[in-house]
């Protein structure tokens, strides 16, 4: 089994949070409302760290002018984030 190298936790925490904010999702509110557990939030950050799409994500974030209707297709957390949007 090969080992995956994880990216910097702080960077990927902010990438995950930034994508959610671009979608109009507050992770803090989602957790307060019980729609997202702290453990699931940690899983989102870890999945982001392992994905290797941080440069692509930074480019996507830089282009956002309005609230995004969905997470970017390349995002490993797209399904969960899109579910939090509804």
PDB file of N, CA and C in Angstrom:
ATOM      1  N   UNK A   1       0.846  -1.174   0.000  1.00  0.00           N
ATOM      2  CA  UNK A   1       0.000   0.000   0.000  1.00  0.00           C
ATOM      3  C   UNK A   1       0.895   1.242   0.000  1.00  0.00           C
ATOM      4  N   UNK A   2       0.632   2.156  -0.922  1.00  0.00           N
ATOM      5  CA  UNK A   2       1.435   3.374  -0.987  1.00  0.00           C
ATOM      6  C   UNK A   2       0.902   4.404   0.004  1.00  0.00           C
ATOM      7  N   UNK A   3       1.806   5.220   0.489  1.00  0.00           N
ATOM      8  CA  UNK A   3       1.447   6.242   1.459  1.00  0.00           C
ATOM      9  C   UNK A   3       1.206   7.568   0.734  1.00  0.00           C
ATOM     10  N   UNK A   4       0.146   8.259   1.117  1.00  0.00           N
ATOM     11  CA  UNK A   4      -0.200   9.540   0.521  1.00  0.00           C
ATOM     12  C   UNK A   4       0.451  10.643   1.350  1.00  0.00           C
ATOM     13  N   UNK A   5       1.095  11.589   0.661  1.00  0.00           N
ATOM     14  CA  UNK A   5       1.670  12.737   1.336  1.00  0.00           C
ATOM     15  C   UNK A   5       0.589  13.797   1.480  1.00  0.00           C
ATOM     16  N   UNK A   6       0.398  14.267   2.691  1.00  0.00           N
ATOM     17  CA  UNK A   6      -0.629  15.267   2.948  1.00  0.00           C
ATOM     18  C   UNK A   6      -0.038  16.667   2.885  1.00  0.00           C
ATOM     19  N   UNK A   7      -0.825  17.599   2.370  1.00  0.00           N
ATOM     20  CA  UNK A   7      -0.418  18.994   2.318  1.00  0.00           C
ATOM     21  C   UNK A   7      -0.511  19.645   3.694  1.00  0.00           C
ATOM     22  N   UNK A   8      -0.069  20.891   3.766  1.00  0.00           N
ATOM     23  CA  UNK A   8      -0.073  21.632   5.026  1.00  0.00           C
ATOM     24  C   UNK A   8      -1.493  21.782   5.555  1.00  0.00           C
ATOM     25  N   UNK A   9      -1.679  21.456   6.811  1.00  0.00           N
ATOM     26  CA  UNK A   9      -3.027  21.464   7.386  1.00  0.00           C
ATOM     27  C   UNK A   9      -3.649  22.857   7.363  1.00  0.00           C
ATOM     28  N   UNK A  10      -2.877  23.892   7.687  1.00  0.00           N
ATOM     29  CA  UNK A  10      -3.442  25.245   7.725  1.00  0.00           C
ATOM     30  C   UNK A  10      -3.922  25.683   6.339  1.00  0.00           C
ATOM     31  N   UNK A  11      -3.110  25.416   5.340  1.00  0.00           N
ATOM     32  CA  UNK A  11      -3.468  25.801   3.969  1.00  0.00           C
ATOM     33  C   UNK A  11      -4.762  25.127   3.537  1.00  0.00           C
ATOM     34  N   UNK A  12      -4.876  23.842   3.800  1.00  0.00           N
ATOM     35  CA  UNK A  12      -6.043  23.083   3.338  1.00  0.00           C
ATOM     36  C   UNK A  12      -7.281  23.353   4.193  1.00  0.00           C
ATOM     37  N   UNK A  13      -7.062  23.712   5.456  1.00  0.00           N
ATOM     38  CA  UNK A  13      -8.180  24.181   6.280  1.00  0.00           C
ATOM     39  C   UNK A  13      -8.790  25.411   5.628  1.00  0.00           C
ATOM     40  N   UNK A  14      -7.940  26.368   5.238  1.00  0.00           N
ATOM     41  CA  UNK A  14      -8.436  27.617   4.641  1.00  0.00           C
ATOM     42  C   UNK A  14      -8.989  27.393   3.239  1.00  0.00           C
ATOM     43  N   UNK A  15      -8.412  26.468   2.468  1.00  0.00           N
ATOM     44  CA  UNK A  15      -8.980  26.171   1.146  1.00  0.00           C
ATOM     45  C   UNK A  15     -10.391  25.595   1.299  1.00  0.00           C
ATOM     46  N   UNK A  16     -10.542  24.636   2.215  1.00  0.00           N
ATOM     47  CA  UNK A  16     -11.855  24.021   2.444  1.00  0.00           C
ATOM     48  C   UNK A  16     -12.863  25.074   2.891  1.00  0.00           C
ATOM     49  N   UNK A  17     -12.448  25.893   3.828  1.00  0.00           N
ATOM     50  CA  UNK A  17     -13.331  26.942   4.348  1.00  0.00           C
ATOM     51  C   UNK A  17     -13.654  27.979   3.273  1.00  0.00           C
ATOM     52  N   UNK A  18     -12.671  28.313   2.444  1.00  0.00           N
ATOM     53  CA  UNK A  18     -12.876  29.314   1.392  1.00  0.00           C
ATOM     54  C   UNK A  18     -13.842  28.820   0.316  1.00  0.00           C
ATOM     55  N   UNK A  19     -13.711  27.568  -0.091  1.00  0.00           N
ATOM     56  CA  UNK A  19     -14.645  27.019  -1.083  1.00  0.00           C
ATOM     57  C   UNK A  19     -16.055  27.041  -0.508  1.00  0.00           C
ATOM     58  N   UNK A  20     -16.194  26.627   0.745  1.00  0.00           N
ATOM     59  CA  UNK A  20     -17.531  26.633   1.350  1.00  0.00           C
ATOM     60  C   UNK A  20     -18.093  28.052   1.418  1.00  0.00           C
ATOM     61  N   UNK A  21     -17.268  29.015   1.774  1.00  0.00           N
ATOM     62  CA  UNK A  21     -17.732  30.415   1.827  1.00  0.00           C
ATOM     63  C   UNK A  21     -18.161  30.909   0.453  1.00  0.00           C
ATOM     64  N   UNK A  22     -17.415  30.540  -0.583  1.00  0.00           N
ATOM     65  CA  UNK A  22     -17.794  30.936  -1.949  1.00  0.00           C
ATOM     66  C   UNK A  22     -19.152  30.367  -2.338  1.00  0.00           C
ATOM     67  N   UNK A  23     -19.516  29.275  -1.693  1.00  0.00           N
ATOM     68  CA  UNK A  23     -20.800  28.635  -1.960  1.00  0.00           C
ATOM     69  C   UNK A  23     -21.895  29.158  -1.036  1.00  0.00           C
ATOM     70  N   UNK A  24     -21.533  30.066  -0.137  1.00  0.00           N
ATOM     71  CA  UNK A  24     -22.511  30.598   0.798  1.00  0.00           C
ATOM     72  C   UNK A  24     -22.751  29.703   2.003  1.00  0.00           C
ATOM     73  N   UNK A  25     -21.813  28.796   2.266  1.00  0.00           N
ATOM     74  CA  UNK A  25     -21.925  27.858   3.383  1.00  0.00           C
ATOM     75  C   UNK A  25     -21.019  28.328   4.514  1.00  0.00           C
ATOM     76  N   UNK A  26     -21.576  28.425   5.709  1.00  0.00           N
ATOM     77  CA  UNK A  26     -20.781  28.685   6.901  1.00  0.00           C
ATOM     78  C   UNK A  26     -20.555  27.356   7.609  1.00  0.00           C
ATOM     79  N   UNK A  27     -19.322  26.925   7.676  1.00  0.00           N
ATOM     80  CA  UNK A  27     -19.021  25.659   8.352  1.00  0.00           C
ATOM     81  C   UNK A  27     -19.382  25.756   9.833  1.00  0.00           C
ATOM     82  N   UNK A  28     -19.162  26.925  10.434  1.00  0.00           N
ATOM     83  CA  UNK A  28     -19.493  27.125  11.839  1.00  0.00           C
ATOM     84  C   UNK A  28     -20.991  26.946  12.061  1.00  0.00           C
ATOM     85  N   UNK A  29     -21.809  27.547  11.198  1.00  0.00           N
ATOM     86  CA  UNK A  29     -23.263  27.398  11.309  1.00  0.00           C
ATOM     87  C   UNK A  29     -23.698  25.967  11.036  1.00  0.00           C
ATOM     88  N   UNK A  30     -23.088  25.332  10.038  1.00  0.00           N
ATOM     89  CA  UNK A  30     -23.440  23.942   9.713  1.00  0.00           C
ATOM     90  C   UNK A  30     -23.177  23.030  10.905  1.00  0.00           C
ATOM     91  N   UNK A  31     -22.074  23.272  11.619  1.00  0.00           N
ATOM     92  CA  UNK A  31     -21.787  22.463  12.805  1.00  0.00           C
ATOM     93  C   UNK A  31     -22.753  22.808  13.940  1.00  0.00           C
ATOM     94  N   UNK A  32     -23.037  24.094  14.145  1.00  0.00           N
ATOM     95  CA  UNK A  32     -23.954  24.517  15.212  1.00  0.00           C
ATOM     96  C   UNK A  32     -25.354  23.953  14.988  1.00  0.00           C
ATOM     97  N   UNK A  33     -25.739  23.822  13.722  1.00  0.00           N
ATOM     98  CA  UNK A  33     -27.068  23.305  13.369  1.00  0.00           C
ATOM     99  C   UNK A  33     -27.107  21.777  13.326  1.00  0.00           C
ATOM    100  N   UNK A  34     -25.954  21.117  13.517  1.00  0.00           N
ATOM    101  CA  UNK A  34     -25.906  19.663  13.504  1.00  0.00           C
ATOM    102  C   UNK A  34     -25.871  19.050  12.118  1.00  0.00           C
ATOM    103  N   UNK A  35     -25.659  19.872  11.079  1.00  0.00           N
ATOM    104  CA  UNK A  35     -25.596  19.356   9.708  1.00  0.00           C
ATOM    105  C   UNK A  35     -24.201  18.851   9.357  1.00  0.00           C
ATOM    106  N   UNK A  36     -23.213  19.218  10.174  1.00  0.00           N
ATOM    107  CA  UNK A  36     -21.829  18.816   9.951  1.00  0.00           C
ATOM    108  C   UNK A  36     -21.175  18.601  11.311  1.00  0.00           C
ATOM    109  N   UNK A  37     -20.660  17.405  11.527  1.00  0.00           N
ATOM    110  CA  UNK A  37     -19.982  17.128  12.798  1.00  0.00           C
ATOM    111  C   UNK A  37     -18.542  17.629  12.721  1.00  0.00           C
ATOM    112  N   UNK A  38     -17.933  17.927  13.867  1.00  0.00           N
ATOM    113  CA  UNK A  38     -16.527  18.321  13.860  1.00  0.00           C
ATOM    114  C   UNK A  38     -15.630  17.245  13.221  1.00  0.00           C
ATOM    115  N   UNK A  39     -15.985  15.990  13.429  1.00  0.00           N
ATOM    116  CA  UNK A  39     -15.209  14.889  12.832  1.00  0.00           C
ATOM    117  C   UNK A  39     -15.309  14.902  11.306  1.00  0.00           C
ATOM    118  N   UNK A  40     -16.510  15.160  10.795  1.00  0.00           N
ATOM    119  CA  UNK A  40     -16.704  15.212   9.339  1.00  0.00           C
ATOM    120  C   UNK A  40     -15.959  16.410   8.752  1.00  0.00           C
ATOM    121  N   UNK A  41     -15.946  17.524   9.482  1.00  0.00           N
ATOM    122  CA  UNK A  41     -15.197  18.711   9.052  1.00  0.00           C
ATOM    123  C   UNK A  41     -13.717  18.367   8.959  1.00  0.00           C
ATOM    124  N   UNK A  42     -13.198  17.668   9.959  1.00  0.00           N
ATOM    125  CA  UNK A  42     -11.794  17.250   9.938  1.00  0.00           C
ATOM    126  C   UNK A  42     -11.527  16.330   8.752  1.00  0.00           C
ATOM    127  N   UNK A  43     -12.483  15.454   8.432  1.00  0.00           N
ATOM    128  CA  UNK A  43     -12.336  14.571   7.271  1.00  0.00           C
ATOM    129  C   UNK A  43     -12.280  15.380   5.975  1.00  0.00           C
ATOM    130  N   UNK A  44     -13.082  16.446   5.882  1.00  0.00           N
ATOM    131  CA  UNK A  44     -13.060  17.292   4.692  1.00  0.00           C
ATOM    132  C   UNK A  44     -11.672  17.904   4.500  1.00  0.00           C
ATOM    133  N   UNK A  45     -11.094  18.412   5.580  1.00  0.00           N
ATOM    134  CA  UNK A  45      -9.769  19.024   5.501  1.00  0.00           C
ATOM    135  C   UNK A  45      -8.722  17.975   5.131  1.00  0.00           C
ATOM    136  N   UNK A  46      -8.793  16.798   5.723  1.00  0.00           N
ATOM    137  CA  UNK A  46      -7.834  15.732   5.416  1.00  0.00           C
ATOM    138  C   UNK A  46      -7.965  15.284   3.965  1.00  0.00           C
ATOM    139  N   UNK A  47      -9.195  15.154   3.479  1.00  0.00           N
ATOM    140  CA  UNK A  47      -9.413  14.768   2.080  1.00  0.00           C
ATOM    141  C   UNK A  47      -8.822  15.827   1.151  1.00  0.00           C
ATOM    142  N   UNK A  48      -8.988  17.096   1.500  1.00  0.00           N
ATOM    143  CA  UNK A  48      -8.404  18.192   0.725  1.00  0.00           C
ATOM    144  C   UNK A  48      -6.876  18.083   0.733  1.00  0.00           C
ATOM    145  N   UNK A  49      -6.316  17.805   1.889  1.00  0.00           N
ATOM    146  CA  UNK A  49      -4.851  17.690   2.022  1.00  0.00           C
ATOM    147  C   UNK A  49      -4.279  16.588   1.140  1.00  0.00           C
ATOM    148  N   UNK A  50      -5.042  15.525   0.937  1.00  0.00           N
ATOM    149  CA  UNK A  50      -4.562  14.368   0.183  1.00  0.00           C
ATOM    150  C   UNK A  50      -4.825  14.469  -1.316  1.00  0.00           C
ATOM    151  N   UNK A  51      -5.636  15.436  -1.743  1.00  0.00           N
ATOM    152  CA  UNK A  51      -6.116  15.464  -3.125  1.00  0.00           C
ATOM    153  C   UNK A  51      -5.101  15.966  -4.151  1.00  0.00           C
ATOM    154  N   UNK A  52      -4.216  16.858  -3.756  1.00  0.00           N
ATOM    155  CA  UNK A  52      -3.226  17.373  -4.698  1.00  0.00           C
ATOM    156  C   UNK A  52      -3.778  18.361  -5.715  1.00  0.00           C
ATOM    157  N   UNK A  53      -4.904  18.984  -5.408  1.00  0.00           N
ATOM    158  CA  UNK A  53      -5.493  19.943  -6.354  1.00  0.00           C
ATOM    159  C   UNK A  53      -5.466  21.365  -5.796  1.00  0.00           C
ATOM    160  N   UNK A  54      -4.556  21.645  -4.880  1.00  0.00           N
ATOM    161  CA  UNK A  54      -4.541  22.948  -4.217  1.00  0.00           C
ATOM    162  C   UNK A  54      -4.289  24.106  -5.181  1.00  0.00           C
ATOM    163  N   UNK A  55      -3.409  23.950  -6.159  1.00  0.00           N
ATOM    164  CA  UNK A  55      -3.149  25.032  -7.115  1.00  0.00           C
ATOM    165  C   UNK A  55      -4.394  25.273  -7.958  1.00  0.00           C
ATOM    166  N   UNK A  56      -5.020  24.217  -8.412  1.00  0.00           N
ATOM    167  CA  UNK A  56      -6.257  24.333  -9.187  1.00  0.00           C
ATOM    168  C   UNK A  56      -7.348  24.997  -8.340  1.00  0.00           C
ATOM    169  N   UNK A  57      -7.409  24.650  -7.080  1.00  0.00           N
ATOM    170  CA  UNK A  57      -8.398  25.216  -6.172  1.00  0.00           C
ATOM    171  C   UNK A  57      -8.147  26.707  -5.959  1.00  0.00           C
ATOM    172  N   UNK A  58      -6.891  27.074  -5.745  1.00  0.00           N
ATOM    173  CA  UNK A  58      -6.551  28.488  -5.571  1.00  0.00           C
ATOM    174  C   UNK A  58      -6.941  29.298  -6.801  1.00  0.00           C
ATOM    175  N   UNK A  59      -6.738  28.740  -7.985  1.00  0.00           N
ATOM    176  CA  UNK A  59      -7.123  29.403  -9.226  1.00  0.00           C
ATOM    177  C   UNK A  59      -8.645  29.554  -9.291  1.00  0.00           C
ATOM    178  N   UNK A  60      -9.375  28.493  -8.941  1.00  0.00           N
ATOM    179  CA  UNK A  60     -10.840  28.539  -8.934  1.00  0.00           C
ATOM    180  C   UNK A  60     -11.323  29.622  -7.968  1.00  0.00           C
ATOM    181  N   UNK A  61     -10.759  29.650  -6.768  1.00  0.00           N
ATOM    182  CA  UNK A  61     -11.147  30.645  -5.765  1.00  0.00           C
ATOM    183  C   UNK A  61     -10.889  32.063  -6.264  1.00  0.00           C
ATOM    184  N   UNK A  62      -9.760  32.272  -6.931  1.00  0.00           N
ATOM    185  CA  UNK A  62      -9.396  33.601  -7.415  1.00  0.00           C
ATOM    186  C   UNK A  62     -10.373  34.110  -8.474  1.00  0.00           C
ATOM    187  N   UNK A  63     -11.022  33.200  -9.198  1.00  0.00           N
ATOM    188  CA  UNK A  63     -11.952  33.598 -10.269  1.00  0.00           C
ATOM    189  C   UNK A  63     -13.377  33.821  -9.790  1.00  0.00           C
ATOM    190  N   UNK A  64     -13.679  33.498  -8.546  1.00  0.00           N
ATOM    191  CA  UNK A  64     -15.062  33.598  -8.075  1.00  0.00           C
ATOM    192  C   UNK A  64     -15.473  35.047  -7.889  1.00  0.00           C
ATOM    193  N   UNK A  65     -16.512  35.450  -8.598  1.00  0.00           N
ATOM    194  CA  UNK A  65     -17.059  36.802  -8.517  1.00  0.00           C
ATOM    195  C   UNK A  65     -18.397  36.821  -7.776  1.00  0.00           C
ATOM    196  N   UNK A  66     -19.138  35.743  -7.871  1.00  0.00           N
ATOM    197  CA  UNK A  66     -20.455  35.617  -7.248  1.00  0.00           C
ATOM    198  C   UNK A  66     -20.488  34.339  -6.424  1.00  0.00           C
ATOM    199  N   UNK A  67     -21.571  34.134  -5.717  1.00  0.00           N
ATOM    200  CA  UNK A  67     -21.729  32.895  -4.961  1.00  0.00           C
ATOM    201  C   UNK A  67     -21.770  31.722  -5.934  1.00  0.00           C
ATOM    202  N   UNK A  68     -20.933  30.733  -5.684  1.00  0.00           N
ATOM    203  CA  UNK A  68     -20.885  29.538  -6.537  1.00  0.00           C
ATOM    204  C   UNK A  68     -22.091  28.650  -6.215  1.00  0.00           C
ATOM    205  N   UNK A  69     -22.716  28.113  -7.246  1.00  0.00           N
ATOM    206  CA  UNK A  69     -23.874  27.247  -7.033  1.00  0.00           C
ATOM    207  C   UNK A  69     -23.459  25.835  -6.632  1.00  0.00           C
ATOM    208  N   UNK A  70     -22.252  25.440  -7.049  1.00  0.00           N
ATOM    209  CA  UNK A  70     -21.732  24.117  -6.695  1.00  0.00           C
ATOM    210  C   UNK A  70     -20.226  24.209  -6.446  1.00  0.00           C
ATOM    211  N   UNK A  71     -19.707  23.194  -5.781  1.00  0.00           N
ATOM    212  CA  UNK A  71     -18.264  23.089  -5.591  1.00  0.00           C
ATOM    213  C   UNK A  71     -17.625  22.747  -6.939  1.00  0.00           C
ATOM    214  N   UNK A  72     -16.354  23.065  -7.119  1.00  0.00           N
ATOM    215  CA  UNK A  72     -15.710  22.710  -8.384  1.00  0.00           C
ATOM    216  C   UNK A  72     -15.677  21.195  -8.571  1.00  0.00           C
ATOM    217  N   UNK A  73     -15.781  20.768  -9.826  1.00  0.00           N
ATOM    218  CA  UNK A  73     -15.825  19.330 -10.145  1.00  0.00           C
ATOM    219  C   UNK A  73     -14.609  18.567  -9.633  1.00  0.00           C
ATOM    220  N   UNK A  74     -13.454  19.197  -9.612  1.00  0.00           N
ATOM    221  CA  UNK A  74     -12.228  18.514  -9.196  1.00  0.00           C
ATOM    222  C   UNK A  74     -12.121  18.349  -7.678  1.00  0.00           C
ATOM    223  N   UNK A  75     -12.973  19.028  -6.929  1.00  0.00           N
ATOM    224  CA  UNK A  75     -12.889  19.033  -5.465  1.00  0.00           C
ATOM    225  C   UNK A  75     -13.256  17.662  -4.893  1.00  0.00           C
ATOM    226  N   UNK A  76     -12.394  17.099  -4.044  1.00  0.00           N
ATOM    227  CA  UNK A  76     -12.708  15.793  -3.462  1.00  0.00           C
ATOM    228  C   UNK A  76     -13.863  15.869  -2.461  1.00  0.00           C
ATOM    229  N   UNK A  77     -14.227  17.080  -2.059  1.00  0.00           N
ATOM    230  CA  UNK A  77     -15.319  17.278  -1.106  1.00  0.00           C
ATOM    231  C   UNK A  77     -16.591  17.804  -1.770  1.00  0.00           C
ATOM    232  N   UNK A  78     -16.624  17.822  -3.091  1.00  0.00           N
ATOM    233  CA  UNK A  78     -17.746  18.423  -3.820  1.00  0.00           C
ATOM    234  C   UNK A  78     -19.093  17.843  -3.402  1.00  0.00           C
ATOM    235  N   UNK A  79     -19.192  16.546  -3.299  1.00  0.00           N
ATOM    236  CA  UNK A  79     -20.479  15.923  -2.975  1.00  0.00           C
ATOM    237  C   UNK A  79     -20.982  16.379  -1.603  1.00  0.00           C
ATOM    238  N   UNK A  80     -20.103  16.401  -0.628  1.00  0.00           N
ATOM    239  CA  UNK A  80     -20.503  16.810   0.723  1.00  0.00           C
ATOM    240  C   UNK A  80     -20.843  18.289   0.761  1.00  0.00           C
ATOM    241  N   UNK A  81     -19.976  19.120   0.151  1.00  0.00           N
ATOM    242  CA  UNK A  81     -20.244  20.558   0.128  1.00  0.00           C
ATOM    243  C   UNK A  81     -21.532  20.874  -0.596  1.00  0.00           C
ATOM    244  N   UNK A  82     -21.757  20.229  -1.734  1.00  0.00           N
ATOM    245  CA  UNK A  82     -23.003  20.446  -2.474  1.00  0.00           C
ATOM    246  C   UNK A  82     -24.211  20.036  -1.635  1.00  0.00           C
ATOM    247  N   UNK A  83     -24.063  18.988  -0.826  1.00  0.00           N
ATOM    248  CA  UNK A  83     -25.132  18.555   0.055  1.00  0.00           C
ATOM    249  C   UNK A  83     -25.412  19.556   1.165  1.00  0.00           C
ATOM    250  N   UNK A  84     -24.367  20.233   1.632  1.00  0.00           N
ATOM    251  CA  UNK A  84     -24.546  21.252   2.671  1.00  0.00           C
ATOM    252  C   UNK A  84     -25.215  22.503   2.120  1.00  0.00           C
ATOM    253  N   UNK A  85     -25.092  22.705   0.823  1.00  0.00           N
ATOM    254  CA  UNK A  85     -25.649  23.902   0.154  1.00  0.00           C
ATOM    255  C   UNK A  85     -27.175  23.843   0.136  1.00  0.00           C
ATOM    256  N   UNK A  86     -27.726  22.641   0.055  1.00  0.00           N
ATOM    257  CA  UNK A  86     -29.182  22.509  -0.074  1.00  0.00           C
ATOM    258  C   UNK A  86     -29.886  22.615   1.261  1.00  0.00           C
TER     259      UNK A  86
END
